[in-house]
């Protein structure tokens, strides 16, 4: 089972960063990111439905 980053940071750690993973900042705020993305998509859908 791969992590949400699909293992890219592990590959980077092994071959580029000398054994130290470089996790992206969204990993630590994933819940906030998903909730914000959902709210934006919901608002876009509401705007489209309202204009039709």
Protein backbone atom coordinates (compact mmCIF):
# COMPACT_ATOMS: atom_id res chain seq x y z
CA UNK A 1 0.00 0.00 0.00
CA UNK A 2 1.48 3.31 -1.07
CA UNK A 3 1.19 6.57 0.85
CA UNK A 4 -0.92 9.40 -0.56
CA UNK A 5 2.17 10.83 -2.27
CA UNK A 6 2.48 7.51 -4.18
CA UNK A 7 5.97 7.00 -2.82
CA UNK A 8 7.61 9.84 -4.70
CA UNK A 9 9.19 11.23 -1.55
CA UNK A 10 10.69 7.84 -0.69
CA UNK A 11 12.26 7.64 -4.15
CA UNK A 12 13.59 11.16 -3.71
CA UNK A 13 14.99 10.28 -0.28
CA UNK A 14 16.83 7.20 -1.57
CA UNK A 15 18.31 8.68 -4.73
CA UNK A 16 18.36 12.48 -4.47
CA UNK A 17 18.29 13.73 -0.86
CA UNK A 18 20.75 11.25 0.62
CA UNK A 19 18.32 9.25 2.75
CA UNK A 20 16.18 12.11 4.02
CA UNK A 21 12.56 12.29 2.78
CA UNK A 22 11.16 15.64 1.74
CA UNK A 23 7.44 15.50 2.47
CA UNK A 24 5.29 18.12 0.83
CA UNK A 25 3.49 20.67 2.99
CA UNK A 26 0.00 19.52 1.96
CA UNK A 27 0.66 16.18 3.66
CA UNK A 28 0.33 17.89 7.03
CA UNK A 29 -2.81 19.86 6.14
CA UNK A 30 -4.61 17.26 4.04
CA UNK A 31 -7.96 17.52 5.83
CA UNK A 32 -8.00 21.30 5.37
CA UNK A 33 -7.01 20.93 1.70
CA UNK A 34 -9.77 18.40 0.98
CA UNK A 35 -12.43 20.45 2.78
CA UNK A 36 -11.39 23.63 0.95
CA UNK A 37 -11.32 21.89 -2.43
CA UNK A 38 -14.77 20.39 -1.78
CA UNK A 39 -16.18 23.80 -0.80
CA UNK A 40 -14.78 25.41 -3.95
CA UNK A 41 -16.17 22.69 -6.21
CA UNK A 42 -19.55 22.87 -4.47
CA UNK A 43 -19.65 26.66 -4.96
CA UNK A 44 -18.71 26.30 -8.64
CA UNK A 45 -21.46 23.73 -9.19
CA UNK A 46 -24.01 25.98 -7.44
CA UNK A 47 -22.98 28.94 -9.61
CA UNK A 48 -23.34 26.86 -12.79
CA UNK A 49 -26.77 25.55 -11.75
CA UNK A 50 -27.89 29.06 -10.82
CA UNK A 51 -26.90 30.48 -14.21
CA UNK A 52 -28.78 27.80 -16.18
